[in-house]
Amino acid sequence: MLRGTVVLAGLAAALLLGLGQGHAQPAPPLHIIVPYGPSGLVDILARLLARKVTENTGRPVIVENKAGASGIIGVQAFLARAAPDGNTLLLLDDTIYAINPAVYRQLPYDAARDFAPVTQAVEGPMYLMANAAAHIDSVADLIAQARAKPKAINYGSPGNASIHHLGMERLALVSGIALTHVPYKGVAQATPGLVSGDVSVMFAALTSVAAQVDAGHVKLLAIGSEARSAATPDVPTLAQAGVPGVKVSATIGFAARAGTPPEVIARLNEALVNALRSPEVEAKIEDFGVRVVASRSDVFSEQMDQDRQLFKQLVEKAGLRAD
């Protein structure tokens, strides 16, 4: 963002995000709808960026949580409120724009037509992890044991068709193994299942299991991103662990309402990218084991298209399509 004299900073802020024509005027508040509950990674990200955008531009940013139904309630709230003017954004992830459309035959939104991508904010890699007493010390161990005894190894997830579930299905497909899925009602229930040994392995975000890893109850086998994380430099990627071509990461970004003018999208992109790239924000985000992406809007649009195709194939192969 821009910093300068009081007068110039105020003018720059209005010009950067305001929608006035021909003269500077105070921009209306920017609303960000978070389709998940408070205190989770997506909510923390929204509030962190809201503060930074306000600090940089002087524009008020209001974050609202509209949780429920795999993000669907939040999307409905966004579509009911948002005009194509860039004053209301949706903080969305691949569950909303790719997994839900792959799983459900009917949705109250069209993921390919209702959103105008602004930026992919972050990539949230999932870690493949094992119960410390399960005698699974590497990805190679997991594959060898699963091949020796098909379906004998249980894996947990926060629920059917979650990225955690579909990530393990993709790993199994690529590796030629068969595992048994045990779905829980959310990460808060799945994590104790892994610690207790009810399930042997699971994909989860680092923030969900950091305390259990530190206590020695859970072992990290691999990270689902294309590169190692600075937060866990000794943990290999899935490709480095012998499973190339498998990426298990949550894509999280911002979208405006479809039909928002390109110049408004560009200004929003600039504001959010500058906030994401500020050293203090980037450092806080990376502390969660999450990587800042801060992409162009067209790059995020392409990523969304690719993810829709990938998850459609995974859901069909796993037989998870709902009526």
C-alpha atoms as a PDB file:
ATOM      1  CA  MET A   1       0.000   0.000   0.000  1.00  0.00           C
ATOM      2  CA  LEU A   2       0.937   3.682  -0.103  1.00  0.00           C
ATOM      3  CA  ARG A   3       2.349   5.810   2.707  1.00  0.00           C
ATOM      4  CA  GLY A   4       3.098   9.499   2.518  1.00  0.00           C
ATOM      5  CA  THR A   5       1.940  12.801   3.863  1.00  0.00           C
ATOM      6  CA  VAL A   6      -1.413  12.944   5.594  1.00  0.00           C
ATOM      7  CA  VAL A   7      -3.096  14.661   2.656  1.00  0.00           C
ATOM      8  CA  LEU A   8      -1.585  12.487  -0.047  1.00  0.00           C
ATOM      9  CA  ALA A   9      -2.171   9.298   1.910  1.00  0.00           C
ATOM     10  CA  GLY A  10      -5.836  10.135   2.325  1.00  0.00           C
ATOM     11  CA  LEU A  11      -6.234  10.886  -1.367  1.00  0.00           C
ATOM     12  CA  ALA A  12      -4.368   7.734  -2.351  1.00  0.00           C
ATOM     13  CA  ALA A  13      -6.538   5.590  -0.122  1.00  0.00           C
ATOM     14  CA  ALA A  14      -9.712   6.981  -1.638  1.00  0.00           C
ATOM     15  CA  LEU A  15      -8.432   6.572  -5.166  1.00  0.00           C
ATOM     16  CA  LEU A  16      -7.119   3.087  -4.481  1.00  0.00           C
ATOM     17  CA  LEU A  17     -10.293   1.482  -3.255  1.00  0.00           C
ATOM     18  CA  GLY A  18     -13.046   4.045  -3.700  1.00  0.00           C
ATOM     19  CA  LEU A  19     -15.596   3.824  -6.440  1.00  0.00           C
ATOM     20  CA  GLY A  20     -16.120   7.529  -6.956  1.00  0.00           C
ATOM     21  CA  GLN A  21     -15.974   9.015 -10.422  1.00  0.00           C
ATOM     22  CA  GLY A  22     -14.041  12.193 -11.106  1.00  0.00           C
ATOM     23  CA  HIS A  23     -13.217  13.189  -7.519  1.00  0.00           C
ATOM     24  CA  ALA A  24     -11.855  11.631  -4.355  1.00  0.00           C
ATOM     25  CA  GLN A  25     -14.368  10.615  -1.734  1.00  0.00           C
ATOM     26  CA  PRO A  26     -14.235   8.326   1.291  1.00  0.00           C
ATOM     27  CA  ALA A  27     -14.593   4.718   0.255  1.00  0.00           C
ATOM     28  CA  PRO A  28     -17.437   2.756   1.853  1.00  0.00           C
ATOM     29  CA  PRO A  29     -16.473  -0.026   4.258  1.00  0.00           C
ATOM     30  CA  LEU A  30     -15.163  -3.186   2.653  1.00  0.00           C
ATOM     31  CA  HIS A  31     -17.105  -6.219   3.885  1.00  0.00           C
ATOM     32  CA  ILE A  32     -15.436  -9.640   3.965  1.00  0.00           C
ATOM     33  CA  ILE A  33     -17.712 -12.629   4.460  1.00  0.00           C
ATOM     34  CA  VAL A  34     -16.004 -15.647   6.010  1.00  0.00           C
ATOM     35  CA  PRO A  35     -18.057 -18.814   5.379  1.00  0.00           C
ATOM     36  CA  TYR A  36     -16.619 -20.593   8.427  1.00  0.00           C
ATOM     37  CA  GLY A  37     -16.677 -20.071  12.173  1.00  0.00           C
ATOM     38  CA  PRO A  38     -14.417 -17.810  14.232  1.00  0.00           C
ATOM     39  CA  SER A  39     -10.886 -18.721  15.358  1.00  0.00           C
ATOM     40  CA  GLY A  40     -10.100 -21.042  12.452  1.00  0.00           C
ATOM     41  CA  LEU A  41      -7.317 -20.400   9.955  1.00  0.00           C
ATOM     42  CA  VAL A  42      -9.613 -18.758   7.387  1.00  0.00           C
ATOM     43  CA  ASP A  43     -11.083 -16.431  10.010  1.00  0.00           C
ATOM     44  CA  ILE A  44      -7.657 -15.529  11.418  1.00  0.00           C
ATOM     45  CA  LEU A  45      -6.419 -14.753   7.904  1.00  0.00           C
ATOM     46  CA  ALA A  46      -9.406 -12.515   7.175  1.00  0.00           C
ATOM     47  CA  ARG A  47      -8.980 -10.474  10.345  1.00  0.00           C
ATOM     48  CA  LEU A  48      -5.225 -10.168   9.945  1.00  0.00           C
ATOM     49  CA  LEU A  49      -5.631  -8.804   6.423  1.00  0.00           C
ATOM     50  CA  ALA A  50      -8.553  -6.593   7.394  1.00  0.00           C
ATOM     51  CA  ARG A  51      -6.411  -4.786   9.943  1.00  0.00           C
ATOM     52  CA  LYS A  52      -3.543  -4.375   7.491  1.00  0.00           C
ATOM     53  CA  VAL A  53      -5.717  -3.076   4.647  1.00  0.00           C
ATOM     54  CA  THR A  54      -7.265  -0.527   7.005  1.00  0.00           C
ATOM     55  CA  GLU A  55      -3.828   0.482   8.258  1.00  0.00           C
ATOM     56  CA  ASN A  56      -2.529   0.907   4.712  1.00  0.00           C
ATOM     57  CA  THR A  57      -5.507   2.632   3.120  1.00  0.00           C
ATOM     58  CA  GLY A  58      -7.626   4.079   5.906  1.00  0.00           C
ATOM     59  CA  ARG A  59     -10.610   2.159   4.581  1.00  0.00           C
ATOM     60  CA  PRO A  60     -12.708   0.357   7.222  1.00  0.00           C
ATOM     61  CA  VAL A  61     -12.889  -3.408   6.708  1.00  0.00           C
ATOM     62  CA  ILE A  62     -15.639  -5.426   8.387  1.00  0.00           C
ATOM     63  CA  VAL A  63     -15.304  -9.209   8.753  1.00  0.00           C
ATOM     64  CA  GLU A  64     -18.464 -11.284   9.189  1.00  0.00           C
ATOM     65  CA  ASN A  65     -18.679 -15.018   9.890  1.00  0.00           C
ATOM     66  CA  LYS A  66     -21.494 -16.930   8.192  1.00  0.00           C
ATOM     67  CA  ALA A  67     -20.703 -20.559   8.952  1.00  0.00           C
ATOM     68  CA  GLY A  68     -22.446 -23.806   8.094  1.00  0.00           C
ATOM     69  CA  ALA A  69     -23.092 -26.476   5.474  1.00  0.00           C
ATOM     70  CA  SER A  70     -19.536 -26.716   4.105  1.00  0.00           C
ATOM     71  CA  GLY A  71     -19.441 -22.991   3.413  1.00  0.00           C
ATOM     72  CA  ILE A  72     -22.747 -22.912   1.540  1.00  0.00           C
ATOM     73  CA  ILE A  73     -24.474 -20.625   4.052  1.00  0.00           C
ATOM     74  CA  GLY A  74     -21.668 -18.106   3.733  1.00  0.00           C
ATOM     75  CA  VAL A  75     -21.870 -18.172  -0.051  1.00  0.00           C
ATOM     76  CA  GLN A  76     -25.617 -17.570   0.087  1.00  0.00           C
ATOM     77  CA  ALA A  77     -25.074 -14.596   2.392  1.00  0.00           C
ATOM     78  CA  PHE A  78     -22.446 -13.228   0.018  1.00  0.00           C
ATOM     79  CA  LEU A  79     -24.641 -13.577  -3.058  1.00  0.00           C
ATOM     80  CA  ALA A  80     -27.609 -12.004  -1.261  1.00  0.00           C
ATOM     81  CA  ARG A  81     -25.587  -8.946  -0.262  1.00  0.00           C
ATOM     82  CA  ALA A  82     -22.816  -8.416  -2.793  1.00  0.00           C
ATOM     83  CA  ALA A  83     -23.302  -6.114  -5.740  1.00  0.00           C
ATOM     84  CA  PRO A  84     -20.739  -6.208  -8.572  1.00  0.00           C
ATOM     85  CA  ASP A  85     -18.951  -3.182  -7.132  1.00  0.00           C
ATOM     86  CA  GLY A  86     -16.176  -4.778  -5.070  1.00  0.00           C
ATOM     87  CA  ASN A  87     -17.494  -3.547  -1.722  1.00  0.00           C
ATOM     88  CA  THR A  88     -18.242  -7.069  -0.480  1.00  0.00           C
ATOM     89  CA  LEU A  89     -15.781  -9.935  -0.818  1.00  0.00           C
ATOM     90  CA  LEU A  90     -16.017 -13.635  -0.081  1.00  0.00           C
ATOM     91  CA  LEU A  91     -13.053 -15.386   1.489  1.00  0.00           C
ATOM     92  CA  LEU A  92     -13.386 -18.745  -0.192  1.00  0.00           C
ATOM     93  CA  ASP A  93     -11.475 -21.999  -0.403  1.00  0.00           C
ATOM     94  CA  ASP A  94     -11.414 -25.020  -2.678  1.00  0.00           C
ATOM     95  CA  THR A  95     -14.237 -26.647  -0.719  1.00  0.00           C
ATOM     96  CA  ILE A  96     -16.549 -23.884  -1.915  1.00  0.00           C
ATOM     97  CA  TYR A  97     -15.448 -23.492  -5.515  1.00  0.00           C
ATOM     98  CA  ALA A  98     -14.322 -27.049  -6.361  1.00  0.00           C
ATOM     99  CA  ILE A  99     -15.284 -29.781  -3.869  1.00  0.00           C
ATOM    100  CA  ASN A 100     -18.913 -28.806  -3.263  1.00  0.00           C
ATOM    101  CA  PRO A 101     -19.657 -28.579  -7.014  1.00  0.00           C
ATOM    102  CA  ALA A 102     -18.039 -31.990  -7.503  1.00  0.00           C
ATOM    103  CA  VAL A 103     -20.007 -33.643  -4.690  1.00  0.00           C
ATOM    104  CA  TYR A 104     -23.450 -32.046  -4.878  1.00  0.00           C
ATOM    105  CA  ARG A 105     -25.627 -32.213  -7.956  1.00  0.00           C
ATOM    106  CA  GLN A 106     -27.584 -29.161  -6.835  1.00  0.00           C
ATOM    107  CA  LEU A 107     -26.114 -26.096  -5.158  1.00  0.00           C
ATOM    108  CA  PRO A 108     -27.593 -22.634  -4.514  1.00  0.00           C
ATOM    109  CA  TYR A 109     -24.665 -21.138  -6.416  1.00  0.00           C
ATOM    110  CA  ASP A 110     -22.674 -21.653  -9.604  1.00  0.00           C
ATOM    111  CA  ALA A 111     -18.994 -21.833  -8.697  1.00  0.00           C
ATOM    112  CA  ALA A 112     -17.905 -21.154 -12.268  1.00  0.00           C
ATOM    113  CA  ARG A 113     -20.148 -18.124 -12.837  1.00  0.00           C
ATOM    114  CA  ASP A 114     -20.963 -16.370  -9.567  1.00  0.00           C
ATOM    115  CA  PHE A 115     -17.461 -15.339  -8.488  1.00  0.00           C
ATOM    116  CA  ALA A 116     -14.908 -12.861  -9.806  1.00  0.00           C
ATOM    117  CA  PRO A 117     -11.526 -14.081  -8.486  1.00  0.00           C
ATOM    118  CA  VAL A 118      -9.387 -11.376  -6.864  1.00  0.00           C
ATOM    119  CA  THR A 119      -6.349 -13.212  -5.488  1.00  0.00           C
ATOM    120  CA  GLN A 120      -5.268 -16.530  -4.073  1.00  0.00           C
ATOM    121  CA  ALA A 121      -4.109 -15.348  -0.676  1.00  0.00           C
ATOM    122  CA  VAL A 122      -2.429 -18.446   0.718  1.00  0.00           C
ATOM    123  CA  GLU A 123      -1.753 -22.117   0.239  1.00  0.00           C
ATOM    124  CA  GLY A 124      -2.484 -24.147   3.363  1.00  0.00           C
ATOM    125  CA  PRO A 125      -0.622 -27.437   3.026  1.00  0.00           C
ATOM    126  CA  MET A 126      -1.965 -30.536   4.704  1.00  0.00           C
ATOM    127  CA  TYR A 127       0.484 -32.805   6.480  1.00  0.00           C
ATOM    128  CA  LEU A 128       0.349 -36.574   6.249  1.00  0.00           C
ATOM    129  CA  MET A 129       0.768 -37.722   9.832  1.00  0.00           C
ATOM    130  CA  ALA A 130       0.695 -40.919  11.847  1.00  0.00           C
ATOM    131  CA  ASN A 131      -0.012 -41.972  15.389  1.00  0.00           C
ATOM    132  CA  ALA A 132       3.406 -42.263  17.048  1.00  0.00           C
ATOM    133  CA  ALA A 133       2.668 -45.810  18.238  1.00  0.00           C
ATOM    134  CA  ALA A 134       1.436 -47.064  14.852  1.00  0.00           C
ATOM    135  CA  HIS A 135       4.913 -48.128  13.660  1.00  0.00           C
ATOM    136  CA  ILE A 136       4.496 -46.059  10.503  1.00  0.00           C
ATOM    137  CA  ASP A 137       7.675 -44.020  10.325  1.00  0.00           C
ATOM    138  CA  SER A 138       7.550 -42.841   6.707  1.00  0.00           C
ATOM    139  CA  VAL A 139       5.356 -42.669   3.630  1.00  0.00           C
ATOM    140  CA  ALA A 140       7.190 -45.741   2.338  1.00  0.00           C
ATOM    141  CA  ASP A 141       6.211 -47.613   5.524  1.00  0.00           C
ATOM    142  CA  LEU A 142       2.569 -46.643   5.052  1.00  0.00           C
ATOM    143  CA  ILE A 143       2.511 -47.827   1.448  1.00  0.00           C
ATOM    144  CA  ALA A 144       4.334 -51.091   2.219  1.00  0.00           C
ATOM    145  CA  GLN A 145       2.038 -51.972   5.108  1.00  0.00           C
ATOM    146  CA  ALA A 146      -1.099 -51.045   3.164  1.00  0.00           C
ATOM    147  CA  ARG A 147      -0.042 -53.201   0.237  1.00  0.00           C
ATOM    148  CA  ALA A 148       0.688 -56.123   2.544  1.00  0.00           C
ATOM    149  CA  LYS A 149      -2.693 -55.833   4.276  1.00  0.00           C
ATOM    150  CA  PRO A 150      -5.238 -53.963   2.132  1.00  0.00           C
ATOM    151  CA  LYS A 151      -7.799 -51.922   4.102  1.00  0.00           C
ATOM    152  CA  ALA A 152      -6.188 -52.870   7.430  1.00  0.00           C
ATOM    153  CA  ILE A 153      -4.998 -49.327   8.073  1.00  0.00           C
ATOM    154  CA  ASN A 154      -7.632 -46.815   9.178  1.00  0.00           C
ATOM    155  CA  TYR A 155      -7.331 -43.144   8.332  1.00  0.00           C
ATOM    156  CA  GLY A 156      -9.319 -40.285   9.770  1.00  0.00           C
ATOM    157  CA  SER A 157     -10.761 -37.095   8.317  1.00  0.00           C
ATOM    158  CA  PRO A 158     -13.002 -34.250   9.505  1.00  0.00           C
ATOM    159  CA  GLY A 159     -15.758 -35.603   7.274  1.00  0.00           C
ATOM    160  CA  ASN A 160     -16.722 -37.102   3.941  1.00  0.00           C
ATOM    161  CA  ALA A 161     -15.521 -35.179   0.880  1.00  0.00           C
ATOM    162  CA  SER A 162     -13.275 -32.898   2.946  1.00  0.00           C
ATOM    163  CA  ILE A 163      -9.906 -32.045   1.419  1.00  0.00           C
ATOM    164  CA  HIS A 164      -8.385 -34.294   4.090  1.00  0.00           C
ATOM    165  CA  HIS A 165     -10.521 -37.194   2.840  1.00  0.00           C
ATOM    166  CA  LEU A 166      -9.996 -36.543  -0.856  1.00  0.00           C
ATOM    167  CA  GLY A 167      -6.272 -36.029  -0.341  1.00  0.00           C
ATOM    168  CA  MET A 168      -5.934 -39.491   1.156  1.00  0.00           C
ATOM    169  CA  GLU A 169      -8.061 -40.964  -1.622  1.00  0.00           C
ATOM    170  CA  ARG A 170      -5.699 -39.427  -4.173  1.00  0.00           C
ATOM    171  CA  LEU A 171      -2.662 -40.754  -2.312  1.00  0.00           C
ATOM    172  CA  ALA A 172      -4.228 -44.216  -2.265  1.00  0.00           C
ATOM    173  CA  LEU A 173      -5.098 -44.099  -5.963  1.00  0.00           C
ATOM    174  CA  VAL A 174      -1.628 -42.990  -7.032  1.00  0.00           C
ATOM    175  CA  SER A 175       0.107 -45.465  -4.712  1.00  0.00           C
ATOM    176  CA  GLY A 176      -2.149 -48.399  -5.543  1.00  0.00           C
ATOM    177  CA  ILE A 177      -3.185 -49.033  -1.944  1.00  0.00           C
ATOM    178  CA  ALA A 178      -6.488 -49.514  -0.122  1.00  0.00           C
ATOM    179  CA  LEU A 179      -7.164 -47.832   3.214  1.00  0.00           C
ATOM    180  CA  THR A 180     -10.267 -47.657   5.415  1.00  0.00           C
ATOM    181  CA  HIS A 181     -11.816 -44.230   5.903  1.00  0.00           C
ATOM    182  CA  VAL A 182     -13.156 -43.192   9.316  1.00  0.00           C
ATOM    183  CA  PRO A 183     -14.963 -39.840   9.012  1.00  0.00           C
ATOM    184  CA  TYR A 184     -15.386 -37.646  12.076  1.00  0.00           C
ATOM    185  CA  LYS A 185     -17.476 -34.552  12.682  1.00  0.00           C
ATOM    186  CA  GLY A 186     -14.753 -31.966  12.297  1.00  0.00           C
ATOM    187  CA  VAL A 187     -11.059 -31.635  13.043  1.00  0.00           C
ATOM    188  CA  ALA A 188     -11.747 -31.282  16.775  1.00  0.00           C
ATOM    189  CA  GLN A 189     -12.960 -34.899  16.847  1.00  0.00           C
ATOM    190  CA  ALA A 190     -10.593 -36.326  14.239  1.00  0.00           C
ATOM    191  CA  THR A 191      -7.412 -35.218  16.011  1.00  0.00           C
ATOM    192  CA  PRO A 192      -8.153 -37.099  19.274  1.00  0.00           C
ATOM    193  CA  GLY A 193      -8.964 -40.142  17.138  1.00  0.00           C
ATOM    194  CA  LEU A 194      -5.461 -40.022  15.699  1.00  0.00           C
ATOM    195  CA  VAL A 195      -3.811 -39.426  19.083  1.00  0.00           C
ATOM    196  CA  SER A 196      -5.699 -42.317  20.695  1.00  0.00           C
ATOM    197  CA  GLY A 197      -4.869 -44.697  17.870  1.00  0.00           C
ATOM    198  CA  ASP A 198      -8.442 -45.206  16.693  1.00  0.00           C
ATOM    199  CA  VAL A 199      -7.025 -44.226  13.319  1.00  0.00           C
ATOM    200  CA  SER A 200      -3.394 -44.648  12.317  1.00  0.00           C
ATOM    201  CA  VAL A 201      -2.934 -41.848   9.792  1.00  0.00           C
ATOM    202  CA  MET A 202      -4.566 -38.631   8.669  1.00  0.00           C
ATOM    203  CA  PHE A 203      -4.070 -35.492   6.612  1.00  0.00           C
ATOM    204  CA  ALA A 204      -4.419 -32.304   8.667  1.00  0.00           C
ATOM    205  CA  ALA A 205      -3.143 -28.758   8.939  1.00  0.00           C
ATOM    206  CA  LEU A 206      -0.141 -28.185  11.170  1.00  0.00           C
ATOM    207  CA  THR A 207      -2.124 -25.829  13.398  1.00  0.00           C
ATOM    208  CA  SER A 208      -4.501 -28.685  14.259  1.00  0.00           C
ATOM    209  CA  VAL A 209      -1.808 -30.988  15.643  1.00  0.00           C
ATOM    210  CA  ALA A 210       1.132 -28.811  16.671  1.00  0.00           C
ATOM    211  CA  ALA A 211       0.685 -29.540  20.380  1.00  0.00           C
ATOM    212  CA  GLN A 212       0.363 -33.286  19.745  1.00  0.00           C
ATOM    213  CA  VAL A 213       3.478 -33.266  17.562  1.00  0.00           C
ATOM    214  CA  ASP A 214       5.439 -31.416  20.240  1.00  0.00           C
ATOM    215  CA  ALA A 215       4.238 -33.927  22.849  1.00  0.00           C
ATOM    216  CA  GLY A 216       5.396 -36.852  20.710  1.00  0.00           C
ATOM    217  CA  HIS A 217       1.923 -38.313  20.164  1.00  0.00           C
ATOM    218  CA  VAL A 218       1.856 -37.625  16.420  1.00  0.00           C
ATOM    219  CA  LYS A 219       4.569 -38.002  13.801  1.00  0.00           C
ATOM    220  CA  LEU A 220       4.720 -35.887  10.620  1.00  0.00           C
ATOM    221  CA  LEU A 221       5.451 -38.047   7.561  1.00  0.00           C
ATOM    222  CA  ALA A 222       5.186 -35.551   4.684  1.00  0.00           C
ATOM    223  CA  ILE A 223       3.797 -32.193   3.648  1.00  0.00           C
ATOM    224  CA  GLY A 224       1.251 -31.931   0.848  1.00  0.00           C
ATOM    225  CA  SER A 225       2.717 -28.851  -0.838  1.00  0.00           C
ATOM    226  CA  GLU A 226       5.189 -28.701  -3.711  1.00  0.00           C
ATOM    227  CA  ALA A 227       7.954 -27.367  -1.466  1.00  0.00           C
ATOM    228  CA  ARG A 228       9.007 -27.896   2.124  1.00  0.00           C
ATOM    229  CA  SER A 229       7.779 -25.427   4.723  1.00  0.00           C
ATOM    230  CA  ALA A 230      10.054 -23.136   6.694  1.00  0.00           C
ATOM    231  CA  ALA A 231       7.974 -24.127   9.728  1.00  0.00           C
ATOM    232  CA  THR A 232       8.945 -27.806   9.300  1.00  0.00           C
ATOM    233  CA  PRO A 233      12.149 -27.901   7.214  1.00  0.00           C
ATOM    234  CA  ASP A 234      12.894 -31.539   8.066  1.00  0.00           C
ATOM    235  CA  VAL A 235       9.544 -32.830   6.790  1.00  0.00           C
ATOM    236  CA  PRO A 236       9.742 -33.970   3.134  1.00  0.00           C
ATOM    237  CA  THR A 237       7.180 -33.257   0.469  1.00  0.00           C
ATOM    238  CA  LEU A 238       5.070 -36.150  -0.766  1.00  0.00           C
ATOM    239  CA  ALA A 239       7.118 -36.156  -3.973  1.00  0.00           C
ATOM    240  CA  GLN A 240      10.353 -36.342  -2.004  1.00  0.00           C
ATOM    241  CA  ALA A 241       8.833 -39.150   0.053  1.00  0.00           C
ATOM    242  CA  GLY A 242       8.178 -41.197  -3.081  1.00  0.00           C
ATOM    243  CA  VAL A 243       4.688 -40.122  -4.169  1.00  0.00           C
ATOM    244  CA  PRO A 244       5.055 -37.615  -7.024  1.00  0.00           C
ATOM    245  CA  GLY A 245       2.084 -35.854  -8.541  1.00  0.00           C
ATOM    246  CA  VAL A 246       0.040 -35.662  -5.345  1.00  0.00           C
ATOM    247  CA  LYS A 247      -0.661 -32.237  -3.853  1.00  0.00           C
ATOM    248  CA  VAL A 248      -2.823 -31.922  -0.760  1.00  0.00           C
ATOM    249  CA  SER A 249      -3.170 -28.249   0.094  1.00  0.00           C
ATOM    250  CA  ALA A 250      -6.055 -25.938   0.796  1.00  0.00           C
ATOM    251  CA  THR A 251      -6.330 -23.026  -1.620  1.00  0.00           C
ATOM    252  CA  ILE A 252      -7.706 -19.925   0.101  1.00  0.00           C
ATOM    253  CA  GLY A 253      -8.448 -16.655  -1.640  1.00  0.00           C
ATOM    254  CA  PHE A 254     -10.792 -13.742  -2.202  1.00  0.00           C
ATOM    255  CA  ALA A 255     -13.549 -13.246  -4.749  1.00  0.00           C
ATOM    256  CA  ALA A 256     -15.927 -10.432  -5.601  1.00  0.00           C
ATOM    257  CA  ARG A 257     -19.328 -10.806  -7.231  1.00  0.00           C
ATOM    258  CA  ALA A 258     -19.229 -11.780 -10.892  1.00  0.00           C
ATOM    259  CA  GLY A 259     -19.564  -8.734 -13.110  1.00  0.00           C
ATOM    260  CA  THR A 260     -17.343  -6.528 -10.960  1.00  0.00           C
ATOM    261  CA  PRO A 261     -15.382  -4.240 -13.345  1.00  0.00           C
ATOM    262  CA  PRO A 262     -11.783  -5.327 -14.066  1.00  0.00           C
ATOM    263  CA  GLU A 263     -10.377  -2.029 -12.798  1.00  0.00           C
ATOM    264  CA  VAL A 264     -12.083  -2.585  -9.430  1.00  0.00           C
ATOM    265  CA  ILE A 265     -10.724  -6.141  -9.274  1.00  0.00           C
ATOM    266  CA  ALA A 266      -7.255  -4.758 -10.017  1.00  0.00           C
ATOM    267  CA  ARG A 267      -7.473  -2.225  -7.178  1.00  0.00           C
ATOM    268  CA  LEU A 268      -8.701  -4.855  -4.740  1.00  0.00           C
ATOM    269  CA  ASN A 269      -5.933  -7.193  -5.836  1.00  0.00           C
ATOM    270  CA  GLU A 270      -3.342  -4.490  -5.237  1.00  0.00           C
ATOM    271  CA  ALA A 271      -4.680  -3.739  -1.758  1.00  0.00           C
ATOM    272  CA  LEU A 272      -4.787  -7.381  -0.691  1.00  0.00           C
ATOM    273  CA  VAL A 273      -1.461  -8.356  -2.254  1.00  0.00           C
ATOM    274  CA  ASN A 274       0.283  -5.439  -0.575  1.00  0.00           C
ATOM    275  CA  ALA A 275      -1.210  -6.468   2.765  1.00  0.00           C
ATOM    276  CA  LEU A 276      -0.210 -10.096   2.264  1.00  0.00           C
ATOM    277  CA  ARG A 277       3.336  -9.139   1.284  1.00  0.00           C
ATOM    278  CA  SER A 278       3.945  -6.863   4.253  1.00  0.00           C
ATOM    279  CA  PRO A 279       6.732  -8.484   6.306  1.00  0.00           C
ATOM    280  CA  GLU A 280       4.790  -8.627   9.569  1.00  0.00           C
ATOM    281  CA  VAL A 281       1.702 -10.197   7.978  1.00  0.00           C
ATOM    282  CA  GLU A 282       3.701 -12.698   5.947  1.00  0.00           C
ATOM    283  CA  ALA A 283       5.668 -13.741   9.045  1.00  0.00           C
ATOM    284  CA  LYS A 284       2.486 -14.285  11.077  1.00  0.00           C
ATOM    285  CA  ILE A 285       0.913 -16.334   8.305  1.00  0.00           C
ATOM    286  CA  GLU A 286       3.986 -18.516   7.894  1.00  0.00           C
ATOM    287  CA  ASP A 287       3.994 -19.189  11.644  1.00  0.00           C
ATOM    288  CA  PHE A 288       0.852 -21.228  10.979  1.00  0.00           C
ATOM    289  CA  GLY A 289       2.683 -23.371   8.428  1.00  0.00           C
ATOM    290  CA  VAL A 290       0.869 -21.578   5.610  1.00  0.00           C
ATOM    291  CA  ARG A 291       2.499 -20.109   2.503  1.00  0.00           C
ATOM    292  CA  VAL A 292       1.620 -16.669   1.163  1.00  0.00           C
ATOM    293  CA  VAL A 293       0.761 -16.774  -2.557  1.00  0.00           C
ATOM    294  CA  ALA A 294      -0.703 -13.309  -3.278  1.00  0.00           C
ATOM    295  CA  SER A 295      -1.442 -14.139  -6.911  1.00  0.00           C
ATOM    296  CA  ARG A 296      -2.824 -12.079  -9.760  1.00  0.00           C
ATOM    297  CA  SER A 297      -6.555 -12.438 -10.308  1.00  0.00           C
ATOM    298  CA  ASP A 298      -6.129 -14.269 -13.623  1.00  0.00           C
ATOM    299  CA  VAL A 299      -3.741 -16.768 -12.051  1.00  0.00           C
ATOM    300  CA  PHE A 300      -6.245 -17.482  -9.275  1.00  0.00           C
ATOM    301  CA  SER A 301      -8.980 -17.948 -11.867  1.00  0.00           C
ATOM    302  CA  GLU A 302      -6.873 -20.548 -13.675  1.00  0.00           C
ATOM    303  CA  GLN A 303      -6.136 -22.312 -10.371  1.00  0.00           C
ATOM    304  CA  MET A 304      -9.845 -22.492  -9.588  1.00  0.00           C
ATOM    305  CA  ASP A 305     -10.562 -24.059 -12.992  1.00  0.00           C
ATOM    306  CA  GLN A 306      -7.813 -26.655 -12.507  1.00  0.00           C
ATOM    307  CA  ASP A 307      -9.030 -27.517  -9.007  1.00  0.00           C
ATOM    308  CA  ARG A 308     -12.591 -28.005 -10.237  1.00  0.00           C
ATOM    309  CA  GLN A 309     -11.422 -30.551 -12.781  1.00  0.00           C
ATOM    310  CA  LEU A 310      -9.166 -32.348 -10.296  1.00  0.00           C
ATOM    311  CA  PHE A 311     -11.781 -32.701  -7.559  1.00  0.00           C
ATOM    312  CA  LYS A 312     -14.457 -33.711 -10.040  1.00  0.00           C
ATOM    313  CA  GLN A 313     -12.268 -36.639 -11.095  1.00  0.00           C
ATOM    314  CA  LEU A 314     -11.424 -37.564  -7.489  1.00  0.00           C
ATOM    315  CA  VAL A 315     -15.035 -37.490  -6.349  1.00  0.00           C
ATOM    316  CA  GLU A 316     -16.126 -39.642  -9.290  1.00  0.00           C
ATOM    317  CA  LYS A 317     -13.370 -42.206  -8.680  1.00  0.00           C
ATOM    318  CA  ALA A 318     -14.137 -42.332  -4.957  1.00  0.00           C
ATOM    319  CA  GLY A 319     -17.879 -42.675  -5.590  1.00  0.00           C
ATOM    320  CA  LEU A 320     -18.749 -39.669  -3.429  1.00  0.00           C
ATOM    321  CA  ARG A 321     -21.178 -37.925  -5.760  1.00  0.00           C
ATOM    322  CA  ALA A 322     -24.340 -37.036  -3.813  1.00  0.00           C
ATOM    323  CA  ASP A 323     -27.836 -37.106  -5.249  1.00  0.00           C
END
